[in-house]
Structures are given as structure tokens and as C-alpha cells.
Amino acid sequence: MTRTTHSPTAAARPVLARLAGASKRYGQVAALDRLDLAVHAGEVLAVLGANGAGKTTALGLLTGRIGPDAGEAELFGRDPRDPVARRGIGVMLQDGDLPDTLRVAEHVRLFSSYYPAPRHLDDTLALAGVSDLAGRSYGVLSGGQKRRVQFALAICGRPPLLFVDEPTVGLDVEARRGFWEVIRRLRAEGTAIVLTTHYLEEADALADRIVLMAGGRLLADDTPARIKALADGKRVLARSRLDAASLAAWPEADGVQARNGRLEVSTRQPEALLRRWLAADERLSDLEVRPLPLEDAVLALTARNALERAA
């Protein structure tokens, strides 16, 4: 049985967009299978899942680029394909492209004209980190620079709801961290943000709530901490006179790494592991038990779902 939970904090906020029993097929492939999903005001929602999980299709329904075959899609209480509803969103897609000959500032001015109360041009350029590119033609920019310009176009209209699909692909580490700070600032201003990303560290750092998908279905819907708690397993860290190879031979240890002078053991049997470790090393110190990192939790939940569906 798939485990699905819901964040009580998110549920208290107004719903800006939602899918209710939404299904979408492409030939014999079920891209979405009766999916329920809600986006609440003032939250960062990360939508996670492997390629083919249905993330892009779900965003397509919410942003009005496609319609459901069955079920409902709503954006600000309207059909997402209604232009009135779509004026309230900003969208940054993976496959977005723009005319090469227009300069960056020209692109931003053009997109700003579609909104009733856009940001000032200089503010948009600064927030997206492209002020130094304002006079350059879009076609001469690098891939990472183009991504930042696409982000500028998504935020220029001060939308209350922002969709960003794999926004930091092609960005270096410094630029990615800078993007995180902008997302936090927008959230502080009250913007709701729907984020898809393959960088699970990014989702863990930014999201108030995570939706995990597989095969067009919902696996989990909750805070990052509770998503990690759903997975069977812990990390046990300690300073020990035993070496990593010794611990790796124990049946309770799924994996062992040395980190900063401590041994870190992944385990689905933390109590049994601790009993064995304490008995084997009376000098054990600096002991700590942590939940699995988000990446391990997502992998565990996805693998569990695959086994359940195969059974």
C-alpha cells in the first residue's frame, strides 16, 4: 500500500491551484493516474520523482498548457487554460526558448507588458542576476545565462504563483546557491512556488512541502522531515576504535562511510546495530542517530512502491 500523508500546516493555507483525480494518457502510457495535488499560498512545493513519474504532465495541467483526460484542474478557481487565470502565474520551463536577436532587457520589457503591475526592469534584472547581461543578445548567452534570463521572465510580473521546472540545470554551484536565496526571498514576499528538481539537496533546502510521484501517482505529500521519516532506515554516527570494514560485515549495516573522524552507518535495524556496536566497542563516543537523507528516503519509497505494484 502506498503511504501518503499531508502537511497540516499547508492545509491551513488557501489553495491557489489543484488537481483532483486528474488523469492523462499518451497512447498506452498513463502519464497521470487519478492524481490529487494542491498548491497552497505562500509555500515552496517541490514535486519530485524519476523521469516519467508525471511531474511535467502535472505542471502542464496546472499551467494550462494541456488539459486532463479525466478529473479536474483548477488555477485560482478557474480552468487553467483561461487567460485570466494564467495572468496570475509565472512559468520557467526546461524547454523554454526565446528569439536569439532580442536583447535581454528587451525580452524582460516585453514579458513585463503582459502583467498589470510588473516589477521595475532594474529590479527584475538584479533579482535574476542578469543585470550585466541586459544589453546582450539572447542568442550569444551560455546555457546557464539563458536559464537566468528565463527565470527573470517568470518573475517579472510579480505573480502570486510561480512554476519553475528544473531551474538550476546548467548553473554552477555559486549560481545555484544564489538562486536558492532568491527563491527564499520570493517566498518571504508571499509568492507560492512550485519547483521540480533532480537535485534532492535543493528540494530539502527550499521546500516547505514535498510531493513524491511515481508512475503518475502520488507516493507521499508532506514536509521534508516527514518524508524522510517515512522511509525505513536511519543513519547512526559515532567515533569508534573499530574500522569501517569491520562494521560493514555486520548484517545490520547496509552501508558504512568514514566522515570527519566518525563512522556513519546506514541501517534498517538501528536498535540491533546499536546493541552490537556498544557490545563490540566500550569506547564508543559522540553517538548520534539521524533520519536518512532525502535522497535515500526518496529512493527507498520509490523502490517500495515498485515492489508493491509488482506484487
C-alpha atoms as a PDB file:
ATOM      1  CA  MET A   1       0.000   0.000   0.000  1.00  0.00           C
ATOM      2  CA  THR A   2       1.397   3.402  -0.950  1.00  0.00           C
ATOM      3  CA  ARG A   3       1.887   5.689   2.020  1.00  0.00           C
ATOM      4  CA  THR A   4       0.523   9.185   1.588  1.00  0.00           C
ATOM      5  CA  THR A   5       0.426  11.869   4.258  1.00  0.00           C
ATOM      6  CA  HIS A   6      -0.417  15.528   4.198  1.00  0.00           C
ATOM      7  CA  SER A   7       1.103  18.530   5.931  1.00  0.00           C
ATOM      8  CA  PRO A   8      -1.387  20.142   8.365  1.00  0.00           C
ATOM      9  CA  THR A   9       0.424  23.487   8.048  1.00  0.00           C
ATOM     10  CA  ALA A  10      -0.054  23.598   4.280  1.00  0.00           C
ATOM     11  CA  ALA A  11      -3.683  22.542   4.569  1.00  0.00           C
ATOM     12  CA  ALA A  12      -4.458  25.708   6.568  1.00  0.00           C
ATOM     13  CA  ARG A  13      -3.447  27.983   3.667  1.00  0.00           C
ATOM     14  CA  PRO A  14      -5.684  28.951   0.724  1.00  0.00           C
ATOM     15  CA  VAL A  15      -5.415  26.703  -2.331  1.00  0.00           C
ATOM     16  CA  LEU A  16      -4.188  28.550  -5.432  1.00  0.00           C
ATOM     17  CA  ALA A  17      -4.086  25.595  -7.825  1.00  0.00           C
ATOM     18  CA  ARG A  18      -5.168  21.993  -7.659  1.00  0.00           C
ATOM     19  CA  LEU A  19      -5.638  18.700  -9.462  1.00  0.00           C
ATOM     20  CA  ALA A  20      -8.489  16.434  -8.363  1.00  0.00           C
ATOM     21  CA  GLY A  21      -8.496  12.879  -9.695  1.00  0.00           C
ATOM     22  CA  ALA A  22      -6.595  14.110 -12.747  1.00  0.00           C
ATOM     23  CA  SER A  23      -5.643  11.554 -15.400  1.00  0.00           C
ATOM     24  CA  LYS A  24      -3.732  11.999 -18.642  1.00  0.00           C
ATOM     25  CA  ARG A  25      -2.747   9.401 -21.203  1.00  0.00           C
ATOM     26  CA  TYR A  26      -0.431   9.488 -24.191  1.00  0.00           C
ATOM     27  CA  GLY A  27      -1.415   6.437 -26.220  1.00  0.00           C
ATOM     28  CA  GLN A  28      -0.979   3.405 -23.976  1.00  0.00           C
ATOM     29  CA  VAL A  29       1.052   5.347 -21.402  1.00  0.00           C
ATOM     30  CA  ALA A  30      -0.735   6.701 -18.323  1.00  0.00           C
ATOM     31  CA  ALA A  31       1.229   9.880 -17.570  1.00  0.00           C
ATOM     32  CA  LEU A  32      -1.098  10.713 -14.659  1.00  0.00           C
ATOM     33  CA  ASP A  33      -3.400   8.298 -12.869  1.00  0.00           C
ATOM     34  CA  ARG A  34      -6.128   9.965 -10.751  1.00  0.00           C
ATOM     35  CA  LEU A  35      -3.707  12.425  -9.211  1.00  0.00           C
ATOM     36  CA  ASP A  36      -4.769  14.720  -6.353  1.00  0.00           C
ATOM     37  CA  LEU A  37      -2.451  17.677  -5.817  1.00  0.00           C
ATOM     38  CA  ALA A  38      -2.883  21.100  -4.225  1.00  0.00           C
ATOM     39  CA  VAL A  39      -0.670  24.190  -4.231  1.00  0.00           C
ATOM     40  CA  HIS A  40      -1.156  26.451  -1.222  1.00  0.00           C
ATOM     41  CA  ALA A  41      -0.463  30.160  -0.861  1.00  0.00           C
ATOM     42  CA  GLY A  42       2.941  31.168   0.468  1.00  0.00           C
ATOM     43  CA  GLU A  43       4.661  27.786   0.233  1.00  0.00           C
ATOM     44  CA  VAL A  44       7.513  26.263  -1.721  1.00  0.00           C
ATOM     45  CA  LEU A  45       6.250  22.932  -3.047  1.00  0.00           C
ATOM     46  CA  ALA A  46       8.836  20.568  -4.527  1.00  0.00           C
ATOM     47  CA  VAL A  47       7.481  17.942  -6.941  1.00  0.00           C
ATOM     48  CA  LEU A  48       9.894  15.011  -7.082  1.00  0.00           C
ATOM     49  CA  GLY A  49      10.109  11.762  -8.996  1.00  0.00           C
ATOM     50  CA  ALA A  50      12.152   9.906 -11.568  1.00  0.00           C
ATOM     51  CA  ASN A  51      11.881  10.622 -15.282  1.00  0.00           C
ATOM     52  CA  GLY A  52       8.432   9.507 -16.402  1.00  0.00           C
ATOM     53  CA  ALA A  53       6.892   9.957 -12.945  1.00  0.00           C
ATOM     54  CA  GLY A  54       4.403  12.519 -14.299  1.00  0.00           C
ATOM     55  CA  LYS A  55       5.903  15.733 -12.919  1.00  0.00           C
ATOM     56  CA  THR A  56       5.988  17.644 -16.214  1.00  0.00           C
ATOM     57  CA  THR A  57       2.474  16.497 -17.119  1.00  0.00           C
ATOM     58  CA  ALA A  58       1.170  17.658 -13.733  1.00  0.00           C
ATOM     59  CA  LEU A  59       2.749  21.075 -14.273  1.00  0.00           C
ATOM     60  CA  GLY A  60       1.301  21.163 -17.777  1.00  0.00           C
ATOM     61  CA  LEU A  61      -2.212  20.687 -16.384  1.00  0.00           C
ATOM     62  CA  LEU A  62      -1.758  23.278 -13.638  1.00  0.00           C
ATOM     63  CA  THR A  63      -0.382  25.895 -16.033  1.00  0.00           C
ATOM     64  CA  GLY A  64      -2.996  25.287 -18.736  1.00  0.00           C
ATOM     65  CA  ARG A  65      -0.645  24.045 -21.443  1.00  0.00           C
ATOM     66  CA  ILE A  66      -2.643  20.810 -21.623  1.00  0.00           C
ATOM     67  CA  GLY A  67      -5.970  19.600 -20.261  1.00  0.00           C
ATOM     68  CA  PRO A  68      -6.820  16.444 -18.295  1.00  0.00           C
ATOM     69  CA  ASP A  69      -8.485  13.435 -19.914  1.00  0.00           C
ATOM     70  CA  ALA A  70     -10.416  12.901 -16.686  1.00  0.00           C
ATOM     71  CA  GLY A  71     -10.697  14.658 -13.350  1.00  0.00           C
ATOM     72  CA  GLU A  72     -10.289  18.369 -12.710  1.00  0.00           C
ATOM     73  CA  ALA A  73      -7.605  21.032 -12.905  1.00  0.00           C
ATOM     74  CA  GLU A  74      -8.056  24.471 -11.351  1.00  0.00           C
ATOM     75  CA  LEU A  75      -5.951  27.626 -11.223  1.00  0.00           C
ATOM     76  CA  PHE A  76      -7.222  30.414  -8.966  1.00  0.00           C
ATOM     77  CA  GLY A  77     -10.631  28.707  -9.103  1.00  0.00           C
ATOM     78  CA  ARG A  78     -10.735  28.761 -12.916  1.00  0.00           C
ATOM     79  CA  ASP A  79      -9.820  26.489 -15.787  1.00  0.00           C
ATOM     80  CA  PRO A  80      -6.016  26.830 -16.080  1.00  0.00           C
ATOM     81  CA  ARG A  81      -6.431  27.465 -19.824  1.00  0.00           C
ATOM     82  CA  ASP A  82      -8.405  30.651 -19.047  1.00  0.00           C
ATOM     83  CA  PRO A  83      -6.174  33.669 -19.873  1.00  0.00           C
ATOM     84  CA  VAL A  84      -7.454  35.474 -16.777  1.00  0.00           C
ATOM     85  CA  ALA A  85      -6.121  32.683 -14.555  1.00  0.00           C
ATOM     86  CA  ARG A  86      -2.828  32.380 -16.437  1.00  0.00           C
ATOM     87  CA  ARG A  87      -2.036  36.063 -15.904  1.00  0.00           C
ATOM     88  CA  GLY A  88      -1.533  35.208 -12.229  1.00  0.00           C
ATOM     89  CA  ILE A  89       1.376  32.821 -12.799  1.00  0.00           C
ATOM     90  CA  GLY A  90       4.987  32.938 -13.857  1.00  0.00           C
ATOM     91  CA  VAL A  91       6.448  29.905 -15.599  1.00  0.00           C
ATOM     92  CA  MET A  92      10.018  28.767 -16.211  1.00  0.00           C
ATOM     93  CA  LEU A  93      10.133  25.549 -18.246  1.00  0.00           C
ATOM     94  CA  GLN A  94      13.007  23.237 -19.151  1.00  0.00           C
ATOM     95  CA  ASP A  95      12.381  23.598 -22.868  1.00  0.00           C
ATOM     96  CA  GLY A  96      11.712  27.305 -22.969  1.00  0.00           C
ATOM     97  CA  ASP A  97      13.406  29.195 -25.804  1.00  0.00           C
ATOM     98  CA  LEU A  98      13.371  32.797 -26.962  1.00  0.00           C
ATOM     99  CA  PRO A  99      14.226  34.778 -30.096  1.00  0.00           C
ATOM    100  CA  ASP A 100      18.005  34.997 -30.341  1.00  0.00           C
ATOM    101  CA  THR A 101      18.205  38.510 -31.732  1.00  0.00           C
ATOM    102  CA  LEU A 102      16.359  40.356 -28.951  1.00  0.00           C
ATOM    103  CA  ARG A 103      18.458  41.736 -26.122  1.00  0.00           C
ATOM    104  CA  VAL A 104      17.871  40.567 -22.574  1.00  0.00           C
ATOM    105  CA  ALA A 105      16.324  43.864 -21.446  1.00  0.00           C
ATOM    106  CA  GLU A 106      14.005  43.793 -24.471  1.00  0.00           C
ATOM    107  CA  HIS A 107      12.778  40.335 -23.552  1.00  0.00           C
ATOM    108  CA  VAL A 108      12.077  41.408 -19.979  1.00  0.00           C
ATOM    109  CA  ARG A 109      10.246  44.586 -21.082  1.00  0.00           C
ATOM    110  CA  LEU A 110       8.098  42.554 -23.488  1.00  0.00           C
ATOM    111  CA  PHE A 111       7.117  39.967 -20.888  1.00  0.00           C
ATOM    112  CA  SER A 112       6.528  42.657 -18.255  1.00  0.00           C
ATOM    113  CA  SER A 113       3.972  44.286 -20.552  1.00  0.00           C
ATOM    114  CA  TYR A 114       1.728  41.217 -20.183  1.00  0.00           C
ATOM    115  CA  TYR A 115       1.178  41.902 -16.455  1.00  0.00           C
ATOM    116  CA  PRO A 116      -0.829  44.674 -14.761  1.00  0.00           C
ATOM    117  CA  ALA A 117       1.794  45.600 -12.123  1.00  0.00           C
ATOM    118  CA  PRO A 118       5.214  44.238 -13.113  1.00  0.00           C
ATOM    119  CA  ARG A 119       8.480  44.752 -11.296  1.00  0.00           C
ATOM    120  CA  HIS A 120      10.702  47.591 -12.395  1.00  0.00           C
ATOM    121  CA  LEU A 121      13.084  46.400 -15.102  1.00  0.00           C
ATOM    122  CA  ASP A 122      16.188  47.011 -12.984  1.00  0.00           C
ATOM    123  CA  ASP A 123      14.685  45.111 -10.048  1.00  0.00           C
ATOM    124  CA  THR A 124      13.872  42.099 -12.214  1.00  0.00           C
ATOM    125  CA  LEU A 125      17.328  42.019 -13.776  1.00  0.00           C
ATOM    126  CA  ALA A 126      19.013  42.298 -10.378  1.00  0.00           C
ATOM    127  CA  LEU A 127      16.828  39.656  -8.743  1.00  0.00           C
ATOM    128  CA  ALA A 128      17.572  37.175 -11.537  1.00  0.00           C
ATOM    129  CA  GLY A 129      21.267  38.046 -11.544  1.00  0.00           C
ATOM    130  CA  VAL A 130      21.339  39.243 -15.156  1.00  0.00           C
ATOM    131  CA  SER A 131      21.899  42.993 -14.813  1.00  0.00           C
ATOM    132  CA  ASP A 132      25.258  42.672 -16.565  1.00  0.00           C
ATOM    133  CA  LEU A 133      23.572  40.893 -19.489  1.00  0.00           C
ATOM    134  CA  ALA A 134      20.861  43.498 -20.150  1.00  0.00           C
ATOM    135  CA  GLY A 135      22.366  44.751 -23.401  1.00  0.00           C
ATOM    136  CA  ARG A 136      23.410  41.376 -24.808  1.00  0.00           C
ATOM    137  CA  SER A 137      21.514  39.393 -27.412  1.00  0.00           C
ATOM    138  CA  TYR A 138      19.888  36.250 -26.054  1.00  0.00           C
ATOM    139  CA  GLY A 139      21.460  34.071 -28.738  1.00  0.00           C
ATOM    140  CA  VAL A 140      25.040  34.707 -27.582  1.00  0.00           C
ATOM    141  CA  LEU A 141      24.407  33.693 -23.967  1.00  0.00           C
ATOM    142  CA  SER A 142      25.645  30.481 -22.356  1.00  0.00           C
ATOM    143  CA  GLY A 143      23.188  27.825 -21.228  1.00  0.00           C
ATOM    144  CA  GLY A 144      23.374  28.935 -17.608  1.00  0.00           C
ATOM    145  CA  GLN A 145      22.890  32.594 -18.552  1.00  0.00           C
ATOM    146  CA  LYS A 146      19.832  31.687 -20.631  1.00  0.00           C
ATOM    147  CA  ARG A 147      18.337  29.876 -17.645  1.00  0.00           C
ATOM    148  CA  ARG A 148      18.737  33.017 -15.530  1.00  0.00           C
ATOM    149  CA  VAL A 149      17.060  35.133 -18.223  1.00  0.00           C
ATOM    150  CA  GLN A 150      14.177  32.650 -18.394  1.00  0.00           C
ATOM    151  CA  PHE A 151      13.836  32.992 -14.629  1.00  0.00           C
ATOM    152  CA  ALA A 152      13.749  36.787 -14.986  1.00  0.00           C
ATOM    153  CA  LEU A 153      10.808  36.439 -17.377  1.00  0.00           C
ATOM    154  CA  ALA A 154       8.986  34.171 -14.925  1.00  0.00           C
ATOM    155  CA  ILE A 155       9.235  36.655 -12.037  1.00  0.00           C
ATOM    156  CA  CYS A 156       8.949  39.995 -13.850  1.00  0.00           C
ATOM    157  CA  GLY A 157       5.165  40.239 -13.390  1.00  0.00           C
ATOM    158  CA  ARG A 158       5.149  39.684  -9.599  1.00  0.00           C
ATOM    159  CA  PRO A 159       2.967  36.567  -9.985  1.00  0.00           C
ATOM    160  CA  PRO A 160       1.419  35.171  -6.794  1.00  0.00           C
ATOM    161  CA  LEU A 161       2.209  31.671  -8.111  1.00  0.00           C
ATOM    162  CA  LEU A 162       5.487  30.695  -9.758  1.00  0.00           C
ATOM    163  CA  PHE A 163       6.260  27.415 -11.540  1.00  0.00           C
ATOM    164  CA  VAL A 164       9.936  26.568 -12.070  1.00  0.00           C
ATOM    165  CA  ASP A 165      10.832  23.308 -13.831  1.00  0.00           C
ATOM    166  CA  GLU A 166      14.426  22.153 -13.185  1.00  0.00           C
ATOM    167  CA  PRO A 167      15.529  25.794 -12.712  1.00  0.00           C
ATOM    168  CA  THR A 168      19.185  25.194 -11.801  1.00  0.00           C
ATOM    169  CA  VAL A 169      20.145  22.797 -14.596  1.00  0.00           C
ATOM    170  CA  GLY A 170      23.255  24.238 -16.232  1.00  0.00           C
ATOM    171  CA  LEU A 171      24.094  26.515 -13.304  1.00  0.00           C
ATOM    172  CA  ASP A 172      27.351  26.265 -11.377  1.00  0.00           C
ATOM    173  CA  VAL A 173      27.349  25.781  -7.614  1.00  0.00           C
ATOM    174  CA  GLU A 174      27.629  29.506  -6.833  1.00  0.00           C
ATOM    175  CA  ALA A 175      24.805  30.419  -9.197  1.00  0.00           C
ATOM    176  CA  ARG A 176      22.640  27.615  -7.795  1.00  0.00           C
ATOM    177  CA  ARG A 177      23.103  28.887  -4.239  1.00  0.00           C
ATOM    178  CA  GLY A 178      22.267  32.392  -5.414  1.00  0.00           C
ATOM    179  CA  PHE A 179      19.054  31.061  -6.957  1.00  0.00           C
ATOM    180  CA  TRP A 180      18.145  29.463  -3.627  1.00  0.00           C
ATOM    181  CA  GLU A 181      18.409  32.830  -1.908  1.00  0.00           C
ATOM    182  CA  VAL A 182      16.109  34.422  -4.489  1.00  0.00           C
ATOM    183  CA  ILE A 183      13.524  31.654  -4.017  1.00  0.00           C
ATOM    184  CA  ARG A 184      13.616  32.258  -0.258  1.00  0.00           C
ATOM    185  CA  ARG A 185      13.172  35.994  -0.800  1.00  0.00           C
ATOM    186  CA  LEU A 186      10.188  35.466  -3.114  1.00  0.00           C
ATOM    187  CA  ARG A 187       8.594  33.127  -0.609  1.00  0.00           C
ATOM    188  CA  ALA A 188       9.103  35.748   2.138  1.00  0.00           C
ATOM    189  CA  GLU A 189       7.253  38.211  -0.111  1.00  0.00           C
ATOM    190  CA  GLY A 190       4.295  35.799  -0.226  1.00  0.00           C
ATOM    191  CA  THR A 191       4.884  34.105  -3.568  1.00  0.00           C
ATOM    192  CA  ALA A 192       3.882  30.441  -3.813  1.00  0.00           C
ATOM    193  CA  ILE A 193       6.465  28.427  -5.749  1.00  0.00           C
ATOM    194  CA  VAL A 194       6.158  25.018  -7.397  1.00  0.00           C
ATOM    195  CA  LEU A 195       9.587  23.547  -8.005  1.00  0.00           C
ATOM    196  CA  THR A 196      10.631  20.414  -9.859  1.00  0.00           C
ATOM    197  CA  THR A 197      14.242  19.365  -9.472  1.00  0.00           C
ATOM    198  CA  HIS A 198      16.505  16.343  -9.697  1.00  0.00           C
ATOM    199  CA  TYR A 199      18.790  17.935  -7.099  1.00  0.00           C
ATOM    200  CA  LEU A 200      17.317  16.496  -3.901  1.00  0.00           C
ATOM    201  CA  GLU A 201      19.605  18.683  -1.783  1.00  0.00           C
ATOM    202  CA  GLU A 202      17.837  21.623  -3.436  1.00  0.00           C
ATOM    203  CA  ALA A 203      14.391  20.301  -2.529  1.00  0.00           C
ATOM    204  CA  ASP A 204      15.486  19.613   1.044  1.00  0.00           C
ATOM    205  CA  ALA A 205      16.928  23.119   1.401  1.00  0.00           C
ATOM    206  CA  LEU A 206      13.999  25.027  -0.104  1.00  0.00           C
ATOM    207  CA  ALA A 207      10.729  23.126   0.185  1.00  0.00           C
ATOM    208  CA  ASP A 208       8.079  23.597   2.847  1.00  0.00           C
ATOM    209  CA  ARG A 209       6.344  20.569   1.371  1.00  0.00           C
ATOM    210  CA  ILE A 210       7.364  17.744  -0.946  1.00  0.00           C
ATOM    211  CA  VAL A 211       5.182  15.735  -3.304  1.00  0.00           C
ATOM    212  CA  LEU A 212       6.781  12.473  -4.409  1.00  0.00           C
ATOM    213  CA  MET A 213       5.422  10.869  -7.592  1.00  0.00           C
ATOM    214  CA  ALA A 214       5.949   7.588  -9.419  1.00  0.00           C
ATOM    215  CA  GLY A 215       4.086   6.193 -12.417  1.00  0.00           C
ATOM    216  CA  GLY A 216       1.712   9.150 -12.495  1.00  0.00           C
ATOM    217  CA  ARG A 217       0.608   8.550  -8.917  1.00  0.00           C
ATOM    218  CA  LEU A 218       1.212  10.229  -5.574  1.00  0.00           C
ATOM    219  CA  LEU A 219       3.537   8.377  -3.208  1.00  0.00           C
ATOM    220  CA  ALA A 220       3.842  10.950  -0.447  1.00  0.00           C
ATOM    221  CA  ASP A 221       2.871  14.535   0.321  1.00  0.00           C
ATOM    222  CA  ASP A 222       4.423  16.101   3.407  1.00  0.00           C
ATOM    223  CA  THR A 223       7.268  18.155   4.844  1.00  0.00           C
ATOM    224  CA  PRO A 224      10.851  17.114   4.014  1.00  0.00           C
ATOM    225  CA  ALA A 225      11.356  15.894   7.582  1.00  0.00           C
ATOM    226  CA  ARG A 226       8.269  13.690   7.483  1.00  0.00           C
ATOM    227  CA  ILE A 227       9.108  12.359   4.014  1.00  0.00           C
ATOM    228  CA  LYS A 228      12.469  11.252   5.387  1.00  0.00           C
ATOM    229  CA  ALA A 229      10.759   9.662   8.380  1.00  0.00           C
ATOM    230  CA  LEU A 230       8.511   7.586   6.088  1.00  0.00           C
ATOM    231  CA  ALA A 231      11.479   5.597   4.792  1.00  0.00           C
ATOM    232  CA  ASP A 232      12.620   2.567   6.762  1.00  0.00           C
ATOM    233  CA  GLY A 233      16.095   3.352   7.947  1.00  0.00           C
ATOM    234  CA  LYS A 234      18.393   5.563   9.966  1.00  0.00           C
ATOM    235  CA  ARG A 235      21.959   6.826   9.926  1.00  0.00           C
ATOM    236  CA  VAL A 236      23.989   6.044  13.033  1.00  0.00           C
ATOM    237  CA  LEU A 237      27.171   8.075  13.553  1.00  0.00           C
ATOM    238  CA  ALA A 238      29.850   7.541  16.216  1.00  0.00           C
ATOM    239  CA  ARG A 239      33.557   7.660  16.955  1.00  0.00           C
ATOM    240  CA  SER A 240      34.811   4.109  17.308  1.00  0.00           C
ATOM    241  CA  ARG A 241      38.008   2.099  17.655  1.00  0.00           C
ATOM    242  CA  LEU A 242      36.525  -0.320  15.092  1.00  0.00           C
ATOM    243  CA  ASP A 243      37.193   0.284  11.414  1.00  0.00           C
ATOM    244  CA  ALA A 244      34.661   0.661   8.608  1.00  0.00           C
ATOM    245  CA  ALA A 245      35.405  -2.791   7.181  1.00  0.00           C
ATOM    246  CA  SER A 246      34.517  -4.454  10.481  1.00  0.00           C
ATOM    247  CA  LEU A 247      31.160  -2.704  10.695  1.00  0.00           C
ATOM    248  CA  ALA A 248      30.381  -3.339   7.016  1.00  0.00           C
ATOM    249  CA  ALA A 249      30.483  -7.093   7.723  1.00  0.00           C
ATOM    250  CA  TRP A 250      27.628  -6.837  10.253  1.00  0.00           C
ATOM    251  CA  PRO A 251      24.192  -7.917   8.952  1.00  0.00           C
ATOM    252  CA  GLU A 252      22.569  -4.795  10.434  1.00  0.00           C
ATOM    253  CA  ALA A 253      24.806  -2.443   8.386  1.00  0.00           C
ATOM    254  CA  ASP A 254      23.527  -1.525   4.911  1.00  0.00           C
ATOM    255  CA  GLY A 255      26.442   0.817   4.258  1.00  0.00           C
ATOM    256  CA  VAL A 256      29.386   2.353   6.105  1.00  0.00           C
ATOM    257  CA  GLN A 257      31.335   5.545   5.442  1.00  0.00           C
ATOM    258  CA  ALA A 258      34.017   7.447   7.338  1.00  0.00           C
ATOM    259  CA  ARG A 259      33.129  11.135   7.754  1.00  0.00           C
ATOM    260  CA  ASN A 260      35.070  13.736   9.751  1.00  0.00           C
ATOM    261  CA  GLY A 261      36.542  11.228  12.174  1.00  0.00           C
ATOM    262  CA  ARG A 262      33.278   9.349  12.719  1.00  0.00           C
ATOM    263  CA  LEU A 263      31.797   6.248  11.136  1.00  0.00           C
ATOM    264  CA  GLU A 264      28.385   6.688   9.509  1.00  0.00           C
ATOM    265  CA  VAL A 265      26.299   3.542   9.189  1.00  0.00           C
ATOM    266  CA  SER A 266      23.062   3.288   7.176  1.00  0.00           C
ATOM    267  CA  THR A 267      20.742   0.730   8.702  1.00  0.00           C
ATOM    268  CA  ARG A 268      17.164  -0.518   8.730  1.00  0.00           C
ATOM    269  CA  GLN A 269      17.785  -2.069  12.141  1.00  0.00           C
ATOM    270  CA  PRO A 270      19.133   0.810  14.265  1.00  0.00           C
ATOM    271  CA  GLU A 271      18.366  -0.774  17.648  1.00  0.00           C
ATOM    272  CA  ALA A 272      20.075  -4.062  16.776  1.00  0.00           C
ATOM    273  CA  LEU A 273      23.026  -2.207  15.276  1.00  0.00           C
ATOM    274  CA  LEU A 274      23.455  -0.083  18.395  1.00  0.00           C
ATOM    275  CA  ARG A 275      23.369  -3.126  20.677  1.00  0.00           C
ATOM    276  CA  ARG A 276      26.038  -4.886  18.626  1.00  0.00           C
ATOM    277  CA  TRP A 277      28.208  -1.764  18.323  1.00  0.00           C
ATOM    278  CA  LEU A 278      28.075  -0.913  22.029  1.00  0.00           C
ATOM    279  CA  ALA A 279      28.957  -4.511  22.923  1.00  0.00           C
ATOM    280  CA  ALA A 280      31.895  -4.538  20.485  1.00  0.00           C
ATOM    281  CA  ASP A 281      33.349  -1.146  21.446  1.00  0.00           C
ATOM    282  CA  GLU A 282      33.203   0.035  25.028  1.00  0.00           C
ATOM    283  CA  ARG A 283      34.886   3.309  23.957  1.00  0.00           C
ATOM    284  CA  LEU A 284      32.122   4.269  21.534  1.00  0.00           C
ATOM    285  CA  SER A 285      31.531   8.032  21.740  1.00  0.00           C
ATOM    286  CA  ASP A 286      29.921  11.011  20.006  1.00  0.00           C
ATOM    287  CA  LEU A 287      26.942   8.816  19.148  1.00  0.00           C
ATOM    288  CA  GLU A 288      24.123  10.245  17.037  1.00  0.00           C
ATOM    289  CA  VAL A 289      21.106   8.736  15.267  1.00  0.00           C
ATOM    290  CA  ARG A 290      19.675  10.660  12.311  1.00  0.00           C
ATOM    291  CA  PRO A 291      16.944  10.080   9.733  1.00  0.00           C
ATOM    292  CA  LEU A 292      18.012   9.103   6.239  1.00  0.00           C
ATOM    293  CA  PRO A 293      18.955  11.966   3.912  1.00  0.00           C
ATOM    294  CA  LEU A 294      16.208  12.942   1.477  1.00  0.00           C
ATOM    295  CA  GLU A 295      17.905  11.197  -1.447  1.00  0.00           C
ATOM    296  CA  ASP A 296      17.984   7.861   0.386  1.00  0.00           C
ATOM    297  CA  ALA A 297      14.412   8.294   1.587  1.00  0.00           C
ATOM    298  CA  VAL A 298      13.131   9.027  -1.931  1.00  0.00           C
ATOM    299  CA  LEU A 299      14.961   6.009  -3.330  1.00  0.00           C
ATOM    300  CA  ALA A 300      13.570   3.791  -0.561  1.00  0.00           C
ATOM    301  CA  LEU A 301       9.988   4.971  -1.015  1.00  0.00           C
ATOM    302  CA  THR A 302      10.167   4.651  -4.800  1.00  0.00           C
ATOM    303  CA  ALA A 303      11.626   1.129  -4.577  1.00  0.00           C
ATOM    304  CA  ARG A 304       8.957   0.134  -2.054  1.00  0.00           C
ATOM    305  CA  ASN A 305       6.229   1.389  -4.398  1.00  0.00           C
ATOM    306  CA  ALA A 306       7.682  -0.595  -7.307  1.00  0.00           C
ATOM    307  CA  LEU A 307       7.628  -3.775  -5.217  1.00  0.00           C
ATOM    308  CA  GLU A 308       4.042  -3.138  -4.112  1.00  0.00           C
ATOM    309  CA  ARG A 309       2.859  -2.600  -7.676  1.00  0.00           C
ATOM    310  CA  ALA A 310       4.644  -5.735  -8.867  1.00  0.00           C
ATOM    311  CA  ALA A 311       3.143  -7.891  -6.102  1.00  0.00           C
END
